[in-house]
Amino acid sequence: MKDGPLPFYVRDEDPPAKREILRAGLKLFSERGLAATSIRDIAAESGFTNPALYKHYASKEELALHLFETCHRRVWTRCSAALASGRSFDDRLERYVGEWLAMMDEHPDVLAFLSDSARVLWPRASPAVRRQTIIGLARSLMLESPSQRRKSSSVSPDLCAAAVQGTLAETFRMIQVGVLDGPAVRWKAALTALFRKVGA
């Protein structure tokens, strides 16, 4: 069993075997992808047997979906709280970008897993999870931008939201592969200024 704080996709009440299975599943799904990860791989990585894994999850797919929904909820909640804590568009934008960059540094495996598995797992997620979209948060932010408030922009808020969220996602990828230097938070001022121009 690993020491240190629990990852944010593990609950305090989870028994030790389940904690390690969740850690192992997330690690392998983020490194190898869903298709290339087997139940046997997860069991070996966790230090528990296949039957111990099946005690908590009926299949690899059930484990993956549980992790996907849990991680998505946590990411959405953090981003939503960042938006809610700001008073103006500029303040909310800065807090939103800051929260994303902090998560890139704190939980790169979680963001990689969510991004890489969304095409497969998002359609299977519960209706409650699918109502809480990240692009919806970005859209709510950009609806408050100066251009949208003046109704003077010919660009839709959906495209503005896509520009923000897509740029954040690509920034994460570029840091992952070494095109941009980390930590991600070093890019906060530059990204915030860029997104301000999108909403100007």
N, C-alpha and C. Protein backbone atom coordinates (compact mmCIF):
# COMPACT_ATOMS: atom_id res chain seq x y z
N MET A 1 0.84 -1.18 0.00
CA MET A 1 0.00 0.00 0.00
C MET A 1 0.89 1.25 0.00
N LYS A 2 0.54 2.21 -0.85
CA LYS A 2 1.34 3.42 -1.01
C LYS A 2 1.02 4.43 0.09
N ASP A 3 2.09 5.14 0.52
CA ASP A 3 1.92 6.18 1.53
C ASP A 3 1.56 7.49 0.84
N GLY A 4 1.26 8.49 1.64
CA GLY A 4 0.96 9.81 1.11
C GLY A 4 -0.53 10.03 1.00
N PRO A 5 -0.91 11.24 0.55
CA PRO A 5 -2.33 11.56 0.43
C PRO A 5 -3.01 10.72 -0.64
N LEU A 6 -4.29 10.49 -0.44
CA LEU A 6 -5.04 9.71 -1.42
C LEU A 6 -5.25 10.53 -2.70
N PRO A 7 -5.18 9.87 -3.86
CA PRO A 7 -5.53 10.57 -5.09
C PRO A 7 -6.98 11.04 -5.01
N PHE A 8 -7.33 12.04 -5.79
CA PHE A 8 -8.67 12.60 -5.62
C PHE A 8 -9.77 11.74 -6.22
N TYR A 9 -9.42 10.61 -6.82
CA TYR A 9 -10.42 9.67 -7.31
C TYR A 9 -10.60 8.49 -6.35
N VAL A 10 -9.95 8.55 -5.19
CA VAL A 10 -10.07 7.51 -4.16
C VAL A 10 -10.73 8.15 -2.93
N ARG A 11 -11.68 7.42 -2.33
CA ARG A 11 -12.37 7.94 -1.15
C ARG A 11 -11.74 7.38 0.12
N ASP A 12 -11.85 8.14 1.20
CA ASP A 12 -11.32 7.69 2.49
C ASP A 12 -11.90 6.35 2.91
N GLU A 13 -13.16 6.15 2.57
CA GLU A 13 -13.82 4.92 3.02
C GLU A 13 -13.52 3.70 2.15
N ASP A 14 -12.82 3.89 1.04
CA ASP A 14 -12.48 2.74 0.19
C ASP A 14 -11.51 1.81 0.93
N PRO A 15 -11.77 0.50 0.91
CA PRO A 15 -10.84 -0.43 1.56
C PRO A 15 -9.49 -0.44 0.84
N PRO A 16 -8.44 -0.91 1.50
CA PRO A 16 -7.09 -0.87 0.91
C PRO A 16 -6.98 -1.51 -0.47
N ALA A 17 -7.60 -2.67 -0.66
CA ALA A 17 -7.50 -3.34 -1.97
C ALA A 17 -8.14 -2.50 -3.06
N LYS A 18 -9.28 -1.92 -2.77
CA LYS A 18 -9.96 -1.08 -3.77
C LYS A 18 -9.13 0.15 -4.09
N ARG A 19 -8.51 0.74 -3.08
CA ARG A 19 -7.66 1.92 -3.31
C ARG A 19 -6.54 1.59 -4.30
N GLU A 20 -5.89 0.46 -4.08
CA GLU A 20 -4.77 0.09 -4.94
C GLU A 20 -5.24 -0.29 -6.34
N ILE A 21 -6.40 -0.89 -6.44
CA ILE A 21 -6.96 -1.23 -7.76
C ILE A 21 -7.30 0.04 -8.53
N LEU A 22 -7.85 1.04 -7.85
CA LEU A 22 -8.16 2.31 -8.49
C LEU A 22 -6.88 3.02 -8.94
N ARG A 23 -5.87 3.03 -8.07
CA ARG A 23 -4.59 3.65 -8.44
C ARG A 23 -3.99 2.94 -9.67
N ALA A 24 -3.98 1.62 -9.61
CA ALA A 24 -3.38 0.85 -10.70
C ALA A 24 -4.15 1.05 -12.00
N GLY A 25 -5.48 1.02 -11.90
CA GLY A 25 -6.30 1.21 -13.10
C GLY A 25 -6.07 2.56 -13.74
N LEU A 26 -6.08 3.61 -12.93
CA LEU A 26 -5.87 4.96 -13.47
C LEU A 26 -4.48 5.08 -14.10
N LYS A 27 -3.48 4.58 -13.41
CA LYS A 27 -2.09 4.65 -13.91
C LYS A 27 -1.98 3.97 -15.27
N LEU A 28 -2.48 2.75 -15.37
CA LEU A 28 -2.34 2.00 -16.61
C LEU A 28 -3.22 2.54 -17.73
N PHE A 29 -4.44 2.94 -17.40
CA PHE A 29 -5.32 3.51 -18.43
C PHE A 29 -4.71 4.80 -18.99
N SER A 30 -4.09 5.60 -18.13
CA SER A 30 -3.53 6.87 -18.60
C SER A 30 -2.24 6.64 -19.40
N GLU A 31 -1.48 5.60 -19.05
CA GLU A 31 -0.22 5.33 -19.75
C GLU A 31 -0.41 4.53 -21.03
N ARG A 32 -1.29 3.53 -20.98
CA ARG A 32 -1.41 2.60 -22.11
C ARG A 32 -2.70 2.75 -22.91
N GLY A 33 -3.72 3.32 -22.28
CA GLY A 33 -5.03 3.37 -22.91
C GLY A 33 -5.89 2.21 -22.46
N LEU A 34 -7.18 2.31 -22.73
CA LEU A 34 -8.13 1.28 -22.29
C LEU A 34 -7.89 -0.05 -22.99
N ALA A 35 -7.76 0.00 -24.30
CA ALA A 35 -7.67 -1.24 -25.08
C ALA A 35 -6.42 -2.04 -24.73
N ALA A 36 -5.33 -1.37 -24.44
CA ALA A 36 -4.05 -2.04 -24.20
C ALA A 36 -3.85 -2.47 -22.75
N THR A 37 -4.85 -2.23 -21.90
CA THR A 37 -4.76 -2.59 -20.48
C THR A 37 -5.70 -3.74 -20.19
N SER A 38 -5.19 -4.78 -19.56
CA SER A 38 -6.03 -5.94 -19.23
C SER A 38 -6.27 -6.00 -17.72
N ILE A 39 -7.24 -6.83 -17.38
CA ILE A 39 -7.50 -7.09 -15.96
C ILE A 39 -6.25 -7.65 -15.28
N ARG A 40 -5.55 -8.52 -15.98
CA ARG A 40 -4.33 -9.10 -15.42
C ARG A 40 -3.28 -8.02 -15.16
N ASP A 41 -3.17 -7.06 -16.08
CA ASP A 41 -2.23 -5.95 -15.89
C ASP A 41 -2.57 -5.16 -14.63
N ILE A 42 -3.86 -4.87 -14.46
CA ILE A 42 -4.30 -4.07 -13.32
C ILE A 42 -4.06 -4.83 -12.02
N ALA A 43 -4.35 -6.14 -12.03
CA ALA A 43 -4.12 -6.96 -10.84
C ALA A 43 -2.63 -6.97 -10.48
N ALA A 44 -1.78 -7.15 -11.49
CA ALA A 44 -0.34 -7.20 -11.23
C ALA A 44 0.17 -5.86 -10.70
N GLU A 45 -0.27 -4.76 -11.30
CA GLU A 45 0.16 -3.43 -10.88
C GLU A 45 -0.31 -3.12 -9.46
N SER A 46 -1.52 -3.58 -9.11
CA SER A 46 -2.09 -3.27 -7.79
C SER A 46 -1.52 -4.16 -6.69
N GLY A 47 -0.97 -5.32 -7.08
CA GLY A 47 -0.48 -6.26 -6.09
C GLY A 47 -1.56 -7.18 -5.55
N PHE A 48 -2.73 -7.15 -6.17
CA PHE A 48 -3.83 -8.02 -5.76
C PHE A 48 -4.18 -8.97 -6.90
N THR A 49 -4.95 -9.98 -6.57
CA THR A 49 -5.30 -10.99 -7.56
C THR A 49 -6.51 -10.57 -8.38
N ASN A 50 -6.71 -11.26 -9.50
CA ASN A 50 -7.91 -11.02 -10.32
C ASN A 50 -9.19 -11.13 -9.50
N PRO A 51 -9.36 -12.17 -8.66
CA PRO A 51 -10.58 -12.26 -7.86
C PRO A 51 -10.79 -11.06 -6.94
N ALA A 52 -9.70 -10.49 -6.40
CA ALA A 52 -9.85 -9.30 -5.55
C ALA A 52 -10.39 -8.14 -6.37
N LEU A 53 -9.94 -8.04 -7.61
CA LEU A 53 -10.43 -6.96 -8.47
C LEU A 53 -11.91 -7.17 -8.78
N TYR A 54 -12.28 -8.42 -9.10
CA TYR A 54 -13.67 -8.70 -9.44
C TYR A 54 -14.61 -8.54 -8.24
N LYS A 55 -14.06 -8.55 -7.04
CA LYS A 55 -14.88 -8.31 -5.85
C LYS A 55 -15.44 -6.89 -5.87
N HIS A 56 -14.68 -5.96 -6.47
CA HIS A 56 -15.08 -4.55 -6.48
C HIS A 56 -15.69 -4.11 -7.81
N TYR A 57 -15.22 -4.71 -8.91
CA TYR A 57 -15.70 -4.31 -10.24
C TYR A 57 -15.92 -5.56 -11.09
N ALA A 58 -17.05 -5.59 -11.78
CA ALA A 58 -17.41 -6.78 -12.56
C ALA A 58 -16.53 -6.95 -13.79
N SER A 59 -15.89 -5.87 -14.24
CA SER A 59 -15.08 -5.94 -15.46
C SER A 59 -14.13 -4.76 -15.52
N LYS A 60 -13.19 -4.85 -16.43
CA LYS A 60 -12.29 -3.72 -16.68
C LYS A 60 -13.09 -2.50 -17.11
N GLU A 61 -14.11 -2.71 -17.92
CA GLU A 61 -14.93 -1.61 -18.41
C GLU A 61 -15.67 -0.90 -17.27
N GLU A 62 -16.15 -1.68 -16.30
CA GLU A 62 -16.84 -1.07 -15.15
C GLU A 62 -15.88 -0.24 -14.32
N LEU A 63 -14.66 -0.74 -14.12
CA LEU A 63 -13.64 0.01 -13.40
C LEU A 63 -13.30 1.30 -14.14
N ALA A 64 -13.11 1.19 -15.45
CA ALA A 64 -12.77 2.37 -16.26
C ALA A 64 -13.87 3.41 -16.20
N LEU A 65 -15.12 2.98 -16.31
CA LEU A 65 -16.23 3.93 -16.27
C LEU A 65 -16.34 4.58 -14.90
N HIS A 66 -16.14 3.80 -13.84
CA HIS A 66 -16.16 4.37 -12.48
C HIS A 66 -15.09 5.46 -12.35
N LEU A 67 -13.88 5.16 -12.80
CA LEU A 67 -12.80 6.14 -12.73
C LEU A 67 -13.10 7.36 -13.58
N PHE A 68 -13.63 7.14 -14.76
CA PHE A 68 -13.95 8.25 -15.66
C PHE A 68 -14.98 9.18 -15.03
N GLU A 69 -16.06 8.61 -14.52
CA GLU A 69 -17.11 9.44 -13.92
C GLU A 69 -16.61 10.17 -12.67
N THR A 70 -15.86 9.46 -11.84
CA THR A 70 -15.34 10.07 -10.62
C THR A 70 -14.38 11.22 -10.95
N CYS A 71 -13.45 10.97 -11.85
CA CYS A 71 -12.47 12.00 -12.21
C CYS A 71 -13.15 13.18 -12.90
N HIS A 72 -14.10 12.90 -13.79
CA HIS A 72 -14.79 13.99 -14.47
C HIS A 72 -15.54 14.87 -13.47
N ARG A 73 -16.24 14.24 -12.53
CA ARG A 73 -16.97 15.02 -11.52
C ARG A 73 -16.03 15.91 -10.71
N ARG A 74 -14.88 15.36 -10.33
CA ARG A 74 -13.94 16.13 -9.52
C ARG A 74 -13.37 17.30 -10.31
N VAL A 75 -13.00 17.07 -11.57
CA VAL A 75 -12.47 18.14 -12.41
C VAL A 75 -13.55 19.21 -12.63
N TRP A 76 -14.76 18.77 -12.95
CA TRP A 76 -15.86 19.72 -13.20
C TRP A 76 -16.14 20.55 -11.93
N THR A 77 -16.14 19.89 -10.78
CA THR A 77 -16.43 20.58 -9.52
C THR A 77 -15.37 21.64 -9.23
N ARG A 78 -14.11 21.30 -9.43
CA ARG A 78 -13.04 22.26 -9.19
C ARG A 78 -13.14 23.46 -10.13
N CYS A 79 -13.42 23.18 -11.41
CA CYS A 79 -13.53 24.28 -12.38
C CYS A 79 -14.76 25.13 -12.11
N SER A 80 -15.86 24.50 -11.75
CA SER A 80 -17.08 25.23 -11.44
C SER A 80 -16.88 26.12 -10.22
N ALA A 81 -16.19 25.60 -9.20
CA ALA A 81 -15.91 26.39 -8.00
C ALA A 81 -15.00 27.57 -8.32
N ALA A 82 -14.04 27.37 -9.22
CA ALA A 82 -13.15 28.47 -9.62
C ALA A 82 -13.95 29.58 -10.28
N LEU A 83 -14.87 29.22 -11.15
CA LEU A 83 -15.71 30.22 -11.80
C LEU A 83 -16.59 30.94 -10.79
N ALA A 84 -17.18 30.18 -9.88
CA ALA A 84 -18.09 30.77 -8.90
C ALA A 84 -17.38 31.72 -7.94
N SER A 85 -16.08 31.54 -7.77
CA SER A 85 -15.35 32.37 -6.80
C SER A 85 -14.94 33.73 -7.36
N GLY A 86 -15.10 33.93 -8.67
CA GLY A 86 -14.71 35.20 -9.27
C GLY A 86 -15.86 36.20 -9.32
N ARG A 87 -15.53 37.49 -9.33
CA ARG A 87 -16.57 38.53 -9.32
C ARG A 87 -16.77 39.17 -10.68
N SER A 88 -15.73 39.20 -11.49
CA SER A 88 -15.82 39.83 -12.81
C SER A 88 -15.37 38.83 -13.86
N PHE A 89 -15.57 39.16 -15.13
CA PHE A 89 -15.12 38.27 -16.21
C PHE A 89 -13.62 38.03 -16.10
N ASP A 90 -12.84 39.09 -15.93
CA ASP A 90 -11.38 38.92 -15.85
C ASP A 90 -10.98 38.06 -14.67
N ASP A 91 -11.62 38.26 -13.55
CA ASP A 91 -11.32 37.48 -12.35
C ASP A 91 -11.68 36.01 -12.54
N ARG A 92 -12.87 35.79 -13.09
CA ARG A 92 -13.32 34.41 -13.32
C ARG A 92 -12.43 33.70 -14.34
N LEU A 93 -12.05 34.42 -15.39
CA LEU A 93 -11.16 33.85 -16.41
C LEU A 93 -9.83 33.46 -15.80
N GLU A 94 -9.25 34.35 -15.01
CA GLU A 94 -7.96 34.06 -14.38
C GLU A 94 -8.05 32.87 -13.44
N ARG A 95 -9.12 32.79 -12.68
CA ARG A 95 -9.28 31.66 -11.75
C ARG A 95 -9.52 30.35 -12.50
N TYR A 96 -10.30 30.40 -13.56
CA TYR A 96 -10.59 29.20 -14.36
C TYR A 96 -9.30 28.66 -14.99
N VAL A 97 -8.56 29.54 -15.65
CA VAL A 97 -7.30 29.13 -16.26
C VAL A 97 -6.33 28.61 -15.19
N GLY A 98 -6.25 29.31 -14.07
CA GLY A 98 -5.38 28.88 -12.99
C GLY A 98 -5.72 27.50 -12.46
N GLU A 99 -7.02 27.23 -12.35
CA GLU A 99 -7.45 25.91 -11.85
C GLU A 99 -7.06 24.80 -12.82
N TRP A 100 -7.27 25.05 -14.11
CA TRP A 100 -6.89 24.05 -15.12
C TRP A 100 -5.40 23.77 -15.09
N LEU A 101 -4.59 24.83 -15.04
CA LEU A 101 -3.15 24.65 -15.04
C LEU A 101 -2.68 23.96 -13.77
N ALA A 102 -3.30 24.27 -12.64
CA ALA A 102 -2.95 23.58 -11.38
C ALA A 102 -3.24 22.09 -11.50
N MET A 103 -4.36 21.75 -12.11
CA MET A 103 -4.68 20.31 -12.27
C MET A 103 -3.73 19.62 -13.23
N MET A 104 -3.27 20.35 -14.26
CA MET A 104 -2.28 19.77 -15.17
C MET A 104 -1.02 19.37 -14.41
N ASP A 105 -0.62 20.22 -13.46
CA ASP A 105 0.57 19.93 -12.67
C ASP A 105 0.33 18.89 -11.59
N GLU A 106 -0.84 18.94 -10.96
CA GLU A 106 -1.14 18.04 -9.84
C GLU A 106 -1.59 16.66 -10.28
N HIS A 107 -2.36 16.59 -11.36
CA HIS A 107 -2.99 15.33 -11.77
C HIS A 107 -2.87 15.09 -13.27
N PRO A 108 -1.64 15.06 -13.81
CA PRO A 108 -1.51 14.85 -15.26
C PRO A 108 -2.07 13.52 -15.72
N ASP A 109 -1.95 12.49 -14.87
CA ASP A 109 -2.49 11.17 -15.24
C ASP A 109 -4.01 11.21 -15.36
N VAL A 110 -4.67 11.95 -14.49
CA VAL A 110 -6.13 12.06 -14.54
C VAL A 110 -6.57 12.76 -15.80
N LEU A 111 -5.94 13.89 -16.13
CA LEU A 111 -6.34 14.63 -17.33
C LEU A 111 -6.02 13.85 -18.59
N ALA A 112 -4.91 13.12 -18.61
CA ALA A 112 -4.59 12.28 -19.77
C ALA A 112 -5.64 11.19 -19.94
N PHE A 113 -6.01 10.56 -18.85
CA PHE A 113 -7.04 9.51 -18.90
C PHE A 113 -8.37 10.05 -19.40
N LEU A 114 -8.81 11.17 -18.85
CA LEU A 114 -10.09 11.75 -19.28
C LEU A 114 -10.07 12.10 -20.76
N SER A 115 -9.00 12.70 -21.20
CA SER A 115 -8.90 13.11 -22.60
C SER A 115 -8.87 11.92 -23.54
N ASP A 116 -8.03 10.95 -23.22
CA ASP A 116 -7.82 9.82 -24.12
C ASP A 116 -9.00 8.85 -24.16
N SER A 117 -9.77 8.79 -23.08
CA SER A 117 -10.86 7.79 -23.02
C SER A 117 -12.25 8.39 -23.25
N ALA A 118 -12.33 9.70 -23.45
CA ALA A 118 -13.65 10.34 -23.55
C ALA A 118 -14.48 9.80 -24.70
N ARG A 119 -13.84 9.55 -25.84
CA ARG A 119 -14.61 9.08 -27.00
C ARG A 119 -15.35 7.78 -26.70
N VAL A 120 -14.71 6.91 -25.92
CA VAL A 120 -15.31 5.61 -25.59
C VAL A 120 -16.23 5.69 -24.38
N LEU A 121 -15.81 6.42 -23.34
CA LEU A 121 -16.53 6.36 -22.07
C LEU A 121 -17.60 7.44 -21.89
N TRP A 122 -17.44 8.60 -22.53
CA TRP A 122 -18.44 9.65 -22.36
C TRP A 122 -19.85 9.19 -22.74
N PRO A 123 -20.03 8.49 -23.88
CA PRO A 123 -21.40 8.04 -24.22
C PRO A 123 -21.98 7.06 -23.20
N ARG A 124 -21.14 6.40 -22.42
CA ARG A 124 -21.61 5.42 -21.44
C ARG A 124 -21.83 6.03 -20.06
N ALA A 125 -21.39 7.25 -19.90
CA ALA A 125 -21.51 7.90 -18.59
C ALA A 125 -22.97 8.16 -18.25
N SER A 126 -23.25 8.30 -16.97
CA SER A 126 -24.62 8.52 -16.51
C SER A 126 -25.13 9.88 -17.00
N PRO A 127 -26.45 10.03 -17.12
CA PRO A 127 -27.01 11.33 -17.51
C PRO A 127 -26.57 12.47 -16.58
N ALA A 128 -26.45 12.18 -15.29
CA ALA A 128 -26.03 13.22 -14.34
C ALA A 128 -24.62 13.72 -14.67
N VAL A 129 -23.73 12.83 -15.03
CA VAL A 129 -22.36 13.22 -15.40
C VAL A 129 -22.38 13.98 -16.71
N ARG A 130 -23.15 13.51 -17.68
CA ARG A 130 -23.16 14.14 -19.01
C ARG A 130 -23.81 15.52 -19.00
N ARG A 131 -24.54 15.84 -17.94
CA ARG A 131 -25.09 17.20 -17.81
C ARG A 131 -24.03 18.20 -17.35
N GLN A 132 -22.96 17.70 -16.78
CA GLN A 132 -21.91 18.57 -16.24
C GLN A 132 -20.73 18.58 -17.21
N THR A 133 -20.86 19.36 -18.28
CA THR A 133 -19.82 19.37 -19.29
C THR A 133 -18.80 20.47 -19.03
N ILE A 134 -17.56 20.17 -19.37
CA ILE A 134 -16.50 21.16 -19.24
C ILE A 134 -16.71 22.27 -20.26
N ILE A 135 -17.11 21.92 -21.47
CA ILE A 135 -17.33 22.94 -22.48
C ILE A 135 -18.48 23.86 -22.06
N GLY A 136 -19.43 23.33 -21.31
CA GLY A 136 -20.52 24.15 -20.77
C GLY A 136 -20.00 25.20 -19.79
N LEU A 137 -19.02 24.82 -18.97
CA LEU A 137 -18.42 25.78 -18.05
C LEU A 137 -17.69 26.87 -18.83
N ALA A 138 -16.91 26.45 -19.83
CA ALA A 138 -16.18 27.43 -20.64
C ALA A 138 -17.15 28.35 -21.38
N ARG A 139 -18.26 27.81 -21.83
CA ARG A 139 -19.26 28.63 -22.53
C ARG A 139 -19.89 29.65 -21.57
N SER A 140 -20.20 29.21 -20.35
CA SER A 140 -20.79 30.14 -19.38
C SER A 140 -19.82 31.27 -19.07
N LEU A 141 -18.54 30.97 -19.05
CA LEU A 141 -17.53 32.00 -18.83
C LEU A 141 -17.50 32.97 -20.00
N MET A 142 -17.44 32.45 -21.22
CA MET A 142 -17.30 33.31 -22.39
C MET A 142 -18.56 34.12 -22.67
N LEU A 143 -19.69 33.67 -22.20
CA LEU A 143 -20.92 34.47 -22.33
C LEU A 143 -20.83 35.77 -21.55
N GLU A 144 -19.93 35.82 -20.57
CA GLU A 144 -19.74 37.03 -19.78
C GLU A 144 -18.64 37.93 -20.34
N SER A 145 -18.02 37.53 -21.44
CA SER A 145 -16.93 38.32 -22.01
C SER A 145 -17.46 39.65 -22.54
N PRO A 146 -16.60 40.65 -22.63
CA PRO A 146 -17.06 41.97 -23.10
C PRO A 146 -17.77 41.93 -24.45
N SER A 147 -17.25 41.17 -25.41
CA SER A 147 -17.88 41.15 -26.73
C SER A 147 -19.27 40.52 -26.69
N GLN A 148 -19.42 39.47 -25.90
CA GLN A 148 -20.73 38.82 -25.82
C GLN A 148 -21.73 39.70 -25.07
N ARG A 149 -21.26 40.42 -24.07
CA ARG A 149 -22.15 41.33 -23.33
C ARG A 149 -22.60 42.49 -24.20
N ARG A 150 -21.72 42.96 -25.07
CA ARG A 150 -22.08 44.04 -25.99
C ARG A 150 -22.89 43.55 -27.17
N LYS A 151 -22.94 42.22 -27.34
CA LYS A 151 -23.59 41.62 -28.50
C LYS A 151 -22.93 42.08 -29.80
N SER A 152 -21.63 42.44 -29.69
CA SER A 152 -20.96 42.97 -30.87
C SER A 152 -20.11 41.92 -31.58
N SER A 153 -20.04 40.71 -31.03
CA SER A 153 -19.19 39.70 -31.64
C SER A 153 -19.98 38.86 -32.65
N SER A 154 -19.33 38.60 -33.77
CA SER A 154 -19.95 37.70 -34.76
C SER A 154 -19.56 36.26 -34.49
N VAL A 155 -18.69 36.05 -33.50
CA VAL A 155 -18.26 34.70 -33.14
C VAL A 155 -19.17 34.16 -32.04
N SER A 156 -19.63 32.96 -32.22
CA SER A 156 -20.56 32.39 -31.24
C SER A 156 -19.84 32.07 -29.94
N PRO A 157 -20.56 32.12 -28.82
CA PRO A 157 -19.94 31.75 -27.54
C PRO A 157 -19.47 30.30 -27.53
N ASP A 158 -20.10 29.46 -28.33
CA ASP A 158 -19.66 28.06 -28.41
C ASP A 158 -18.26 27.97 -29.01
N LEU A 159 -18.01 28.75 -30.07
CA LEU A 159 -16.69 28.74 -30.67
C LEU A 159 -15.65 29.37 -29.75
N CYS A 160 -16.04 30.41 -29.03
CA CYS A 160 -15.13 31.00 -28.04
C CYS A 160 -14.78 29.98 -26.96
N ALA A 161 -15.77 29.24 -26.50
CA ALA A 161 -15.53 28.20 -25.48
C ALA A 161 -14.62 27.12 -26.04
N ALA A 162 -14.84 26.73 -27.29
CA ALA A 162 -13.99 25.71 -27.92
C ALA A 162 -12.55 26.21 -28.04
N ALA A 163 -12.39 27.51 -28.35
CA ALA A 163 -11.04 28.07 -28.44
C ALA A 163 -10.32 28.00 -27.09
N VAL A 164 -11.05 28.32 -26.02
CA VAL A 164 -10.46 28.28 -24.68
C VAL A 164 -10.12 26.85 -24.29
N GLN A 165 -11.11 25.97 -24.37
CA GLN A 165 -10.90 24.61 -23.89
C GLN A 165 -9.93 23.85 -24.77
N GLY A 166 -10.00 24.07 -26.07
CA GLY A 166 -9.08 23.40 -26.99
C GLY A 166 -7.64 23.84 -26.77
N THR A 167 -7.45 25.13 -26.52
CA THR A 167 -6.10 25.63 -26.27
C THR A 167 -5.54 25.08 -24.96
N LEU A 168 -6.38 25.00 -23.93
CA LEU A 168 -5.93 24.41 -22.67
C LEU A 168 -5.54 22.94 -22.87
N ALA A 169 -6.34 22.21 -23.61
CA ALA A 169 -6.05 20.79 -23.85
C ALA A 169 -4.74 20.63 -24.64
N GLU A 170 -4.55 21.47 -25.65
CA GLU A 170 -3.34 21.35 -26.46
C GLU A 170 -2.11 21.81 -25.68
N THR A 171 -2.28 22.79 -24.80
CA THR A 171 -1.17 23.20 -23.94
C THR A 171 -0.72 22.03 -23.07
N PHE A 172 -1.69 21.31 -22.53
CA PHE A 172 -1.38 20.13 -21.72
C PHE A 172 -0.60 19.10 -22.53
N ARG A 173 -1.05 18.83 -23.75
CA ARG A 173 -0.36 17.87 -24.61
C ARG A 173 1.07 18.32 -24.90
N MET A 174 1.24 19.60 -25.19
CA MET A 174 2.56 20.11 -25.53
C MET A 174 3.52 20.01 -24.35
N ILE A 175 3.01 20.20 -23.15
CA ILE A 175 3.84 20.03 -21.95
C ILE A 175 4.19 18.55 -21.77
N GLN A 176 3.20 17.68 -21.99
CA GLN A 176 3.42 16.24 -21.85
C GLN A 176 4.54 15.74 -22.75
N VAL A 177 4.57 16.22 -23.99
CA VAL A 177 5.56 15.71 -24.95
C VAL A 177 6.83 16.55 -25.00
N GLY A 178 6.91 17.58 -24.15
CA GLY A 178 8.13 18.36 -24.05
C GLY A 178 8.29 19.50 -25.03
N VAL A 179 7.22 19.86 -25.75
CA VAL A 179 7.28 21.00 -26.67
C VAL A 179 7.27 22.30 -25.88
N LEU A 180 6.49 22.34 -24.81
CA LEU A 180 6.48 23.47 -23.88
C LEU A 180 7.08 23.02 -22.55
N ASP A 181 7.79 23.91 -21.91
CA ASP A 181 8.34 23.60 -20.59
C ASP A 181 7.25 23.73 -19.53
N GLY A 182 7.30 22.84 -18.55
CA GLY A 182 6.43 22.95 -17.40
C GLY A 182 7.13 23.73 -16.30
N PRO A 183 6.50 23.92 -15.16
CA PRO A 183 5.13 23.47 -14.88
C PRO A 183 4.10 24.27 -15.65
N ALA A 184 2.91 23.72 -15.74
CA ALA A 184 1.85 24.37 -16.51
C ALA A 184 1.52 25.76 -15.99
N VAL A 185 1.60 25.95 -14.68
CA VAL A 185 1.21 27.25 -14.10
C VAL A 185 2.05 28.41 -14.60
N ARG A 186 3.20 28.12 -15.16
CA ARG A 186 4.05 29.19 -15.69
C ARG A 186 3.40 29.89 -16.88
N TRP A 187 2.41 29.25 -17.50
CA TRP A 187 1.75 29.78 -18.69
C TRP A 187 0.45 30.51 -18.37
N LYS A 188 0.18 30.70 -17.09
CA LYS A 188 -1.10 31.29 -16.70
C LYS A 188 -1.30 32.70 -17.26
N ALA A 189 -0.33 33.56 -17.10
CA ALA A 189 -0.49 34.95 -17.56
C ALA A 189 -0.67 35.01 -19.07
N ALA A 190 0.14 34.23 -19.81
CA ALA A 190 0.06 34.26 -21.27
C ALA A 190 -1.28 33.72 -21.77
N LEU A 191 -1.74 32.63 -21.17
CA LEU A 191 -3.02 32.05 -21.61
C LEU A 191 -4.19 32.96 -21.23
N THR A 192 -4.16 33.52 -20.04
CA THR A 192 -5.23 34.42 -19.62
C THR A 192 -5.30 35.62 -20.57
N ALA A 193 -4.16 36.18 -20.93
CA ALA A 193 -4.15 37.31 -21.87
C ALA A 193 -4.69 36.91 -23.23
N LEU A 194 -4.33 35.72 -23.69
CA LEU A 194 -4.83 35.22 -24.98
C LEU A 194 -6.34 35.08 -24.96
N PHE A 195 -6.88 34.49 -23.90
CA PHE A 195 -8.32 34.26 -23.82
C PHE A 195 -9.09 35.58 -23.64
N ARG A 196 -8.44 36.56 -23.01
CA ARG A 196 -9.06 37.87 -22.91
C ARG A 196 -9.28 38.45 -24.31
N LYS A 197 -8.32 38.24 -25.20
CA LYS A 197 -8.45 38.72 -26.57
C LYS A 197 -9.58 38.00 -27.31
N VAL A 198 -9.74 36.70 -27.02
CA VAL A 198 -10.85 35.94 -27.63
C VAL A 198 -12.18 36.57 -27.24
N GLY A 199 -12.27 37.04 -26.01
CA GLY A 199 -13.55 37.61 -25.52
C GLY A 199 -13.64 39.11 -25.62
N ALA A 200 -12.62 39.74 -26.21
CA ALA A 200 -12.60 41.21 -26.26
C ALA A 200 -13.69 41.77 -27.18
